[in-house]
Amino acid sequence: MKLARVIGSVVSTVKHEVLNAHKLLIIKPIDIKTGKLASPVIGIDTVQAGPGDLVLYIDEGNSARQILNVETAPVRTVIMAIVDEVELK
């Protein structure tokens, strides 16, 4: 799991049938140790996240397909949680 900030959404009039019930969001991964942002990626929203939300996501195809419960889904990045707070020790 990785941490990211939602920075926008993707509008698509045509998408794969597996994705029809899900929003596509643009997320910017965050390095939790340095706070630096990486290049944006598109993630499939499964938790009703929105712009500005801090989220946990998975960037691995097999895990993403298990979350969507579709073995043949053409997916890699899935947003799986909205983060309320981060505490570093």
PDB file of N, CA and C in Angstrom:
ATOM      1  N   MET A   1       0.832  -1.171   0.000  1.00  0.00           N
ATOM      2  CA  MET A   1       0.000   0.000   0.000  1.00  0.00           C
ATOM      3  C   MET A   1       0.879   1.236   0.000  1.00  0.00           C
ATOM      4  N   LYS A   2       0.371   2.257  -0.684  1.00  0.00           N
ATOM      5  CA  LYS A   2       1.094   3.512  -0.788  1.00  0.00           C
ATOM      6  C   LYS A   2       0.136   4.661  -0.475  1.00  0.00           C
ATOM      7  N   LEU A   3       0.713   5.809  -0.171  1.00  0.00           N
ATOM      8  CA  LEU A   3      -0.049   6.990   0.193  1.00  0.00           C
ATOM      9  C   LEU A   3      -0.054   7.974  -0.970  1.00  0.00           C
ATOM     10  N   ALA A   4      -1.206   8.635  -1.205  1.00  0.00           N
ATOM     11  CA  ALA A   4      -1.304   9.613  -2.292  1.00  0.00           C
ATOM     12  C   ALA A   4      -2.360  10.659  -1.963  1.00  0.00           C
ATOM     13  N   ARG A   5      -2.307  11.761  -2.699  1.00  0.00           N
ATOM     14  CA  ARG A   5      -3.302  12.830  -2.582  1.00  0.00           C
ATOM     15  C   ARG A   5      -4.092  12.853  -3.891  1.00  0.00           C
ATOM     16  N   VAL A   6      -5.431  12.895  -3.779  1.00  0.00           N
ATOM     17  CA  VAL A   6      -6.282  12.982  -4.967  1.00  0.00           C
ATOM     18  C   VAL A   6      -6.209  14.416  -5.487  1.00  0.00           C
ATOM     19  N   ILE A   7      -5.855  14.567  -6.773  1.00  0.00           N
ATOM     20  CA  ILE A   7      -5.708  15.915  -7.340  1.00  0.00           C
ATOM     21  C   ILE A   7      -6.709  16.195  -8.458  1.00  0.00           C
ATOM     22  N   GLY A   8      -7.487  15.201  -8.848  1.00  0.00           N
ATOM     23  CA  GLY A   8      -8.458  15.438  -9.908  1.00  0.00           C
ATOM     24  C   GLY A   8      -9.172  14.172 -10.311  1.00  0.00           C
ATOM     25  N   SER A   9      -9.996  14.293 -11.336  1.00  0.00           N
ATOM     26  CA  SER A   9     -10.728  13.122 -11.825  1.00  0.00           C
ATOM     27  C   SER A   9     -10.558  13.002 -13.332  1.00  0.00           C
ATOM     28  N   VAL A  10     -10.887  11.832 -13.847  1.00  0.00           N
ATOM     29  CA  VAL A  10     -10.800  11.554 -15.273  1.00  0.00           C
ATOM     30  C   VAL A  10     -12.209  11.320 -15.784  1.00  0.00           C
ATOM     31  N   VAL A  11     -12.562  12.005 -16.864  1.00  0.00           N
ATOM     32  CA  VAL A  11     -13.862  11.809 -17.489  1.00  0.00           C
ATOM     33  C   VAL A  11     -13.642  10.973 -18.742  1.00  0.00           C
ATOM     34  N   SER A  12     -14.394   9.878 -18.830  1.00  0.00           N
ATOM     35  CA  SER A  12     -14.259   8.985 -19.975  1.00  0.00           C
ATOM     36  C   SER A  12     -15.645   8.558 -20.434  1.00  0.00           C
ATOM     37  N   THR A  13     -15.964   8.815 -21.678  1.00  0.00           N
ATOM     38  CA  THR A  13     -17.282   8.431 -22.182  1.00  0.00           C
ATOM     39  C   THR A  13     -17.346   6.948 -22.501  1.00  0.00           C
ATOM     40  N   VAL A  14     -16.196   6.351 -22.784  1.00  0.00           N
ATOM     41  CA  VAL A  14     -16.142   4.920 -23.065  1.00  0.00           C
ATOM     42  C   VAL A  14     -15.023   4.327 -22.227  1.00  0.00           C
ATOM     43  N   LYS A  15     -15.356   3.274 -21.477  1.00  0.00           N
ATOM     44  CA  LYS A  15     -14.323   2.579 -20.715  1.00  0.00           C
ATOM     45  C   LYS A  15     -14.659   1.100 -20.642  1.00  0.00           C
ATOM     46  N   HIS A  16     -13.698   0.309 -20.245  1.00  0.00           N
ATOM     47  CA  HIS A  16     -13.879  -1.136 -20.138  1.00  0.00           C
ATOM     48  C   HIS A  16     -15.063  -1.426 -19.220  1.00  0.00           C
ATOM     49  N   GLU A  17     -15.830  -2.451 -19.541  1.00  0.00           N
ATOM     50  CA  GLU A  17     -17.051  -2.767 -18.777  1.00  0.00           C
ATOM     51  C   GLU A  17     -16.793  -3.000 -17.295  1.00  0.00           C
ATOM     52  N   VAL A  18     -15.627  -3.489 -16.929  1.00  0.00           N
ATOM     53  CA  VAL A  18     -15.290  -3.708 -15.518  1.00  0.00           C
ATOM     54  C   VAL A  18     -15.230  -2.379 -14.768  1.00  0.00           C
ATOM     55  N   LEU A  19     -14.893  -1.302 -15.466  1.00  0.00           N
ATOM     56  CA  LEU A  19     -14.717  -0.002 -14.830  1.00  0.00           C
ATOM     57  C   LEU A  19     -15.981   0.853 -14.818  1.00  0.00           C
ATOM     58  N   ASN A  20     -17.048   0.400 -15.440  1.00  0.00           N
ATOM     59  CA  ASN A  20     -18.260   1.211 -15.568  1.00  0.00           C
ATOM     60  C   ASN A  20     -18.839   1.687 -14.244  1.00  0.00           C
ATOM     61  N   ALA A  21     -18.700   0.943 -13.181  1.00  0.00           N
ATOM     62  CA  ALA A  21     -19.296   1.315 -11.893  1.00  0.00           C
ATOM     63  C   ALA A  21     -18.342   2.131 -11.015  1.00  0.00           C
ATOM     64  N   HIS A  22     -17.166   2.493 -11.536  1.00  0.00           N
ATOM     65  CA  HIS A  22     -16.156   3.156 -10.707  1.00  0.00           C
ATOM     66  C   HIS A  22     -15.677   4.463 -11.320  1.00  0.00           C
ATOM     67  N   LYS A  23     -15.362   5.435 -10.431  1.00  0.00           N
ATOM     68  CA  LYS A  23     -14.741   6.684 -10.863  1.00  0.00           C
ATOM     69  C   LYS A  23     -13.250   6.428 -11.087  1.00  0.00           C
ATOM     70  N   LEU A  24     -12.672   7.208 -11.980  1.00  0.00           N
ATOM     71  CA  LEU A  24     -11.232   7.208 -12.188  1.00  0.00           C
ATOM     72  C   LEU A  24     -10.698   8.525 -11.637  1.00  0.00           C
ATOM     73  N   LEU A  25      -9.730   8.448 -10.737  1.00  0.00           N
ATOM     74  CA  LEU A  25      -9.175   9.641 -10.104  1.00  0.00           C
ATOM     75  C   LEU A  25      -7.691   9.778 -10.405  1.00  0.00           C
ATOM     76  N   ILE A  26      -7.238  11.016 -10.488  1.00  0.00           N
ATOM     77  CA  ILE A  26      -5.816  11.285 -10.641  1.00  0.00           C
ATOM     78  C   ILE A  26      -5.244  11.466  -9.238  1.00  0.00           C
ATOM     79  N   ILE A  27      -4.225  10.666  -8.932  1.00  0.00           N
ATOM     80  CA  ILE A  27      -3.610  10.747  -7.607  1.00  0.00           C
ATOM     81  C   ILE A  27      -2.117  11.023  -7.750  1.00  0.00           C
ATOM     82  N   LYS A  28      -1.589  11.752  -6.765  1.00  0.00           N
ATOM     83  CA  LYS A  28      -0.168  12.058  -6.732  1.00  0.00           C
ATOM     84  C   LYS A  28       0.445  11.321  -5.555  1.00  0.00           C
ATOM     85  N   PRO A  29       1.249  10.280  -5.823  1.00  0.00           N
ATOM     86  CA  PRO A  29       1.890   9.525  -4.739  1.00  0.00           C
ATOM     87  C   PRO A  29       2.773  10.422  -3.870  1.00  0.00           C
ATOM     88  N   ILE A  30       2.812  10.102  -2.578  1.00  0.00           N
ATOM     89  CA  ILE A  30       3.597  10.865  -1.609  1.00  0.00           C
ATOM     90  C   ILE A  30       4.631   9.943  -0.970  1.00  0.00           C
ATOM     91  N   ASP A  31       5.889  10.415  -0.929  1.00  0.00           N
ATOM     92  CA  ASP A  31       6.927   9.704  -0.177  1.00  0.00           C
ATOM     93  C   ASP A  31       6.742  10.100   1.277  1.00  0.00           C
ATOM     94  N   ILE A  32       6.320   9.169   2.098  1.00  0.00           N
ATOM     95  CA  ILE A  32       5.954   9.485   3.483  1.00  0.00           C
ATOM     96  C   ILE A  32       7.137   9.974   4.316  1.00  0.00           C
ATOM     97  N   LYS A  33       8.346   9.592   3.961  1.00  0.00           N
ATOM     98  CA  LYS A  33       9.509  10.023   4.734  1.00  0.00           C
ATOM     99  C   LYS A  33       9.940  11.441   4.385  1.00  0.00           C
ATOM    100  N   THR A  34       9.854  11.804   3.090  1.00  0.00           N
ATOM    101  CA  THR A  34      10.310  13.125   2.673  1.00  0.00           C
ATOM    102  C   THR A  34       9.163  14.098   2.408  1.00  0.00           C
ATOM    103  N   GLY A  35       7.969  13.573   2.188  1.00  0.00           N
ATOM    104  CA  GLY A  35       6.823  14.421   1.866  1.00  0.00           C
ATOM    105  C   GLY A  35       6.772  14.850   0.415  1.00  0.00           C
ATOM    106  N   LYS A  36       7.722  14.395  -0.391  1.00  0.00           N
ATOM    107  CA  LYS A  36       7.766  14.778  -1.805  1.00  0.00           C
ATOM    108  C   LYS A  36       6.691  14.042  -2.592  1.00  0.00           C
ATOM    109  N   LEU A  37       6.167  14.728  -3.607  1.00  0.00           N
ATOM    110  CA  LEU A  37       5.154  14.150  -4.474  1.00  0.00           C
ATOM    111  C   LEU A  37       5.805  13.570  -5.723  1.00  0.00           C
ATOM    112  N   ALA A  38       5.305  12.423  -6.167  1.00  0.00           N
ATOM    113  CA  ALA A  38       5.805  11.777  -7.382  1.00  0.00           C
ATOM    114  C   ALA A  38       4.884  12.129  -8.547  1.00  0.00           C
ATOM    115  N   SER A  39       5.163  11.577  -9.713  1.00  0.00           N
ATOM    116  CA  SER A  39       4.336  11.815 -10.898  1.00  0.00           C
ATOM    117  C   SER A  39       2.940  11.244 -10.694  1.00  0.00           C
ATOM    118  N   PRO A  40       1.921  11.927 -11.199  1.00  0.00           N
ATOM    119  CA  PRO A  40       0.541  11.474 -11.006  1.00  0.00           C
ATOM    120  C   PRO A  40       0.248  10.155 -11.727  1.00  0.00           C
ATOM    121  N   VAL A  41      -0.692   9.405 -11.165  1.00  0.00           N
ATOM    122  CA  VAL A  41      -1.190   8.170 -11.787  1.00  0.00           C
ATOM    123  C   VAL A  41      -2.715   8.181 -11.708  1.00  0.00           C
ATOM    124  N   ILE A  42      -3.334   7.347 -12.521  1.00  0.00           N
ATOM    125  CA  ILE A  42      -4.792   7.220 -12.491  1.00  0.00           C
ATOM    126  C   ILE A  42      -5.144   5.986 -11.680  1.00  0.00           C
ATOM    127  N   GLY A  43      -6.046   6.147 -10.729  1.00  0.00           N
ATOM    128  CA  GLY A  43      -6.476   5.034  -9.892  1.00  0.00           C
ATOM    129  C   GLY A  43      -7.983   4.842  -9.954  1.00  0.00           C
ATOM    130  N   ILE A  44      -8.417   3.626  -9.771  1.00  0.00           N
ATOM    131  CA  ILE A  44      -9.841   3.297  -9.740  1.00  0.00           C
ATOM    132  C   ILE A  44     -10.329   3.504  -8.314  1.00  0.00           C
ATOM    133  N   ASP A  45     -11.342   4.332  -8.160  1.00  0.00           N
ATOM    134  CA  ASP A  45     -11.859   4.673  -6.835  1.00  0.00           C
ATOM    135  C   ASP A  45     -12.860   3.619  -6.368  1.00  0.00           C
ATOM    136  N   THR A  46     -12.607   3.037  -5.205  1.00  0.00           N
ATOM    137  CA  THR A  46     -13.548   2.063  -4.627  1.00  0.00           C
ATOM    138  C   THR A  46     -14.105   2.552  -3.293  1.00  0.00           C
ATOM    139  N   VAL A  47     -13.736   3.795  -2.883  1.00  0.00           N
ATOM    140  CA  VAL A  47     -14.120   4.290  -1.557  1.00  0.00           C
ATOM    141  C   VAL A  47     -14.779   5.669  -1.576  1.00  0.00           C
ATOM    142  N   GLN A  48     -15.173   6.161  -2.733  1.00  0.00           N
ATOM    143  CA  GLN A  48     -15.818   7.471  -2.868  1.00  0.00           C
ATOM    144  C   GLN A  48     -14.909   8.612  -2.421  1.00  0.00           C
ATOM    145  N   ALA A  49     -13.642   8.558  -2.806  1.00  0.00           N
ATOM    146  CA  ALA A  49     -12.696   9.627  -2.509  1.00  0.00           C
ATOM    147  C   ALA A  49     -12.959  10.811  -3.436  1.00  0.00           C
ATOM    148  N   GLY A  50     -12.419  11.967  -3.063  1.00  0.00           N
ATOM    149  CA  GLY A  50     -12.592  13.155  -3.876  1.00  0.00           C
ATOM    150  C   GLY A  50     -11.349  14.013  -3.849  1.00  0.00           C
ATOM    151  N   PRO A  51     -11.334  15.080  -4.647  1.00  0.00           N
ATOM    152  CA  PRO A  51     -10.171  15.976  -4.702  1.00  0.00           C
ATOM    153  C   PRO A  51      -9.758  16.465  -3.318  1.00  0.00           C
ATOM    154  N   GLY A  52      -8.453  16.380  -3.059  1.00  0.00           N
ATOM    155  CA  GLY A  52      -7.909  16.812  -1.775  1.00  0.00           C
ATOM    156  C   GLY A  52      -7.783  15.698  -0.759  1.00  0.00           C
ATOM    157  N   ASP A  53      -8.485  14.587  -0.952  1.00  0.00           N
ATOM    158  CA  ASP A  53      -8.420  13.478   0.012  1.00  0.00           C
ATOM    159  C   ASP A  53      -7.050  12.815  -0.004  1.00  0.00           C
ATOM    160  N   LEU A  54      -6.606  12.403   1.168  1.00  0.00           N
ATOM    161  CA  LEU A  54      -5.413  11.586   1.317  1.00  0.00           C
ATOM    162  C   LEU A  54      -5.877  10.138   1.281  1.00  0.00           C
ATOM    163  N   VAL A  55      -5.277   9.322   0.413  1.00  0.00           N
ATOM    164  CA  VAL A  55      -5.763   7.957   0.218  1.00  0.00           C
ATOM    165  C   VAL A  55      -4.635   6.937   0.258  1.00  0.00           C
ATOM    166  N   LEU A  56      -5.018   5.701   0.530  1.00  0.00           N
ATOM    167  CA  LEU A  56      -4.124   4.555   0.367  1.00  0.00           C
ATOM    168  C   LEU A  56      -4.495   3.887  -0.940  1.00  0.00           C
ATOM    169  N   TYR A  57      -3.482   3.470  -1.693  1.00  0.00           N
ATOM    170  CA  TYR A  57      -3.762   2.785  -2.942  1.00  0.00           C
ATOM    171  C   TYR A  57      -2.816   1.611  -3.130  1.00  0.00           C
ATOM    172  N   ILE A  58      -3.238   0.703  -3.983  1.00  0.00           N
ATOM    173  CA  ILE A  58      -2.418  -0.450  -4.354  1.00  0.00           C
ATOM    174  C   ILE A  58      -2.037  -0.265  -5.807  1.00  0.00           C
ATOM    175  N   ASP A  59      -0.767  -0.474  -6.126  1.00  0.00           N
ATOM    176  CA  ASP A  59      -0.281  -0.315  -7.487  1.00  0.00           C
ATOM    177  C   ASP A  59       0.306  -1.645  -7.962  1.00  0.00           C
ATOM    178  N   GLU A  60      -0.538  -2.661  -7.972  1.00  0.00           N
ATOM    179  CA  GLU A  60      -0.120  -4.005  -8.362  1.00  0.00           C
ATOM    180  C   GLU A  60      -1.351  -4.726  -8.888  1.00  0.00           C
ATOM    181  N   GLY A  61      -1.268  -5.240 -10.097  1.00  0.00           N
ATOM    182  CA  GLY A  61      -2.419  -5.791 -10.796  1.00  0.00           C
ATOM    183  C   GLY A  61      -3.204  -6.877 -10.084  1.00  0.00           C
ATOM    184  N   ASN A  62      -2.531  -7.888  -9.559  1.00  0.00           N
ATOM    185  CA  ASN A  62      -3.245  -9.003  -8.939  1.00  0.00           C
ATOM    186  C   ASN A  62      -4.035  -8.544  -7.710  1.00  0.00           C
ATOM    187  N   SER A  63      -3.424  -7.730  -6.872  1.00  0.00           N
ATOM    188  CA  SER A  63      -4.130  -7.215  -5.693  1.00  0.00           C
ATOM    189  C   SER A  63      -5.303  -6.336  -6.100  1.00  0.00           C
ATOM    190  N   ALA A  64      -5.110  -5.516  -7.121  1.00  0.00           N
ATOM    191  CA  ALA A  64      -6.181  -4.645  -7.603  1.00  0.00           C
ATOM    192  C   ALA A  64      -7.361  -5.475  -8.108  1.00  0.00           C
ATOM    193  N   ARG A  65      -7.087  -6.535  -8.836  1.00  0.00           N
ATOM    194  CA  ARG A  65      -8.156  -7.404  -9.337  1.00  0.00           C
ATOM    195  C   ARG A  65      -8.887  -8.099  -8.194  1.00  0.00           C
ATOM    196  N   GLN A  66      -8.179  -8.451  -7.132  1.00  0.00           N
ATOM    197  CA  GLN A  66      -8.827  -9.078  -5.982  1.00  0.00           C
ATOM    198  C   GLN A  66      -9.766  -8.093  -5.281  1.00  0.00           C
ATOM    199  N   ILE A  67      -9.381  -6.835  -5.179  1.00  0.00           N
ATOM    200  CA  ILE A  67     -10.247  -5.836  -4.550  1.00  0.00           C
ATOM    201  C   ILE A  67     -11.515  -5.636  -5.373  1.00  0.00           C
ATOM    202  N   LEU A  68     -11.379  -5.613  -6.697  1.00  0.00           N
ATOM    203  CA  LEU A  68     -12.543  -5.460  -7.570  1.00  0.00           C
ATOM    204  C   LEU A  68     -13.324  -6.760  -7.721  1.00  0.00           C
ATOM    205  N   ASN A  69     -12.716  -7.861  -7.306  1.00  0.00           N
ATOM    206  CA  ASN A  69     -13.332  -9.183  -7.385  1.00  0.00           C
ATOM    207  C   ASN A  69     -13.640  -9.596  -8.828  1.00  0.00           C
ATOM    208  N   VAL A  70     -12.715  -9.254  -9.733  1.00  0.00           N
ATOM    209  CA  VAL A  70     -12.826  -9.631 -11.144  1.00  0.00           C
ATOM    210  C   VAL A  70     -11.454 -10.119 -11.588  1.00  0.00           C
ATOM    211  N   GLU A  71     -11.334 -11.421 -11.811  1.00  0.00           N
ATOM    212  CA  GLU A  71     -10.035 -12.027 -12.113  1.00  0.00           C
ATOM    213  C   GLU A  71      -9.397 -11.526 -13.399  1.00  0.00           C
ATOM    214  N   THR A  72     -10.192 -11.082 -14.350  1.00  0.00           N
ATOM    215  CA  THR A  72      -9.647 -10.679 -15.639  1.00  0.00           C
ATOM    216  C   THR A  72      -9.671  -9.170 -15.861  1.00  0.00           C
ATOM    217  N   ALA A  73      -9.890  -8.404 -14.811  1.00  0.00           N
ATOM    218  CA  ALA A  73      -9.975  -6.944 -14.951  1.00  0.00           C
ATOM    219  C   ALA A  73      -8.634  -6.366 -15.402  1.00  0.00           C
ATOM    220  N   PRO A  74      -8.667  -5.457 -16.385  1.00  0.00           N
ATOM    221  CA  PRO A  74      -7.435  -4.823 -16.865  1.00  0.00           C
ATOM    222  C   PRO A  74      -7.063  -3.629 -15.975  1.00  0.00           C
ATOM    223  N   VAL A  75      -6.681  -3.908 -14.748  1.00  0.00           N
ATOM    224  CA  VAL A  75      -6.406  -2.840 -13.781  1.00  0.00           C
ATOM    225  C   VAL A  75      -5.052  -3.036 -13.121  1.00  0.00           C
ATOM    226  N   ARG A  76      -4.536  -1.935 -12.588  1.00  0.00           N
ATOM    227  CA  ARG A  76      -3.288  -1.996 -11.851  1.00  0.00           C
ATOM    228  C   ARG A  76      -3.372  -1.174 -10.565  1.00  0.00           C
ATOM    229  N   THR A  77      -3.968   0.016 -10.629  1.00  0.00           N
ATOM    230  CA  THR A  77      -3.978   0.917  -9.488  1.00  0.00           C
ATOM    231  C   THR A  77      -5.397   1.107  -8.960  1.00  0.00           C
ATOM    232  N   VAL A  78      -5.597   0.758  -7.677  1.00  0.00           N
ATOM    233  CA  VAL A  78      -6.913   0.864  -7.052  1.00  0.00           C
ATOM    234  C   VAL A  78      -6.781   1.642  -5.742  1.00  0.00           C
ATOM    235  N   ILE A  79      -7.647   2.632  -5.569  1.00  0.00           N
ATOM    236  CA  ILE A  79      -7.714   3.386  -4.319  1.00  0.00           C
ATOM    237  C   ILE A  79      -8.573   2.577  -3.362  1.00  0.00           C
ATOM    238  N   MET A  80      -8.004   2.247  -2.196  1.00  0.00           N
ATOM    239  CA  MET A  80      -8.700   1.323  -1.306  1.00  0.00           C
ATOM    240  C   MET A  80      -9.061   1.881   0.058  1.00  0.00           C
ATOM    241  N   ALA A  81      -8.620   3.107   0.386  1.00  0.00           N
ATOM    242  CA  ALA A  81      -8.968   3.683   1.688  1.00  0.00           C
ATOM    243  C   ALA A  81      -8.747   5.184   1.677  1.00  0.00           C
ATOM    244  N   ILE A  82      -9.562   5.892   2.455  1.00  0.00           N
ATOM    245  CA  ILE A  82      -9.352   7.315   2.703  1.00  0.00           C
ATOM    246  C   ILE A  82      -8.668   7.427   4.063  1.00  0.00           C
ATOM    247  N   VAL A  83      -7.585   8.176   4.113  1.00  0.00           N
ATOM    248  CA  VAL A  83      -6.775   8.298   5.330  1.00  0.00           C
ATOM    249  C   VAL A  83      -7.252   9.507   6.131  1.00  0.00           C
ATOM    250  N   ASP A  84      -7.545   9.289   7.403  1.00  0.00           N
ATOM    251  CA  ASP A  84      -7.953  10.384   8.286  1.00  0.00           C
ATOM    252  C   ASP A  84      -6.757  11.129   8.853  1.00  0.00           C
ATOM    253  N   GLU A  85      -5.727  10.363   9.224  1.00  0.00           N
ATOM    254  CA  GLU A  85      -4.594  10.972   9.898  1.00  0.00           C
ATOM    255  C   GLU A  85      -3.360  10.104   9.710  1.00  0.00           C
ATOM    256  N   VAL A  86      -2.201  10.747   9.628  1.00  0.00           N
ATOM    257  CA  VAL A  86      -0.923  10.034   9.549  1.00  0.00           C
ATOM    258  C   VAL A  86      -0.074  10.504  10.720  1.00  0.00           C
ATOM    259  N   GLU A  87       0.485   9.543  11.451  1.00  0.00           N
ATOM    260  CA  GLU A  87       1.345   9.870  12.584  1.00  0.00           C
ATOM    261  C   GLU A  87       2.670   9.172  12.399  1.00  0.00           C
ATOM    262  N   LEU A  88       3.739   9.940  12.295  1.00  0.00           N
ATOM    263  CA  LEU A  88       5.083   9.384  12.159  1.00  0.00           C
ATOM    264  C   LEU A  88       5.800   9.431  13.508  1.00  0.00           C
ATOM    265  N   LYS A  89       6.502   8.369  13.816  1.00  0.00           N
ATOM    266  CA  LYS A  89       7.246   8.330  15.084  1.00  0.00           C
ATOM    267  C   LYS A  89       8.707   8.164  14.827  1.00  0.00           C
TER     268      LYS A  89
END
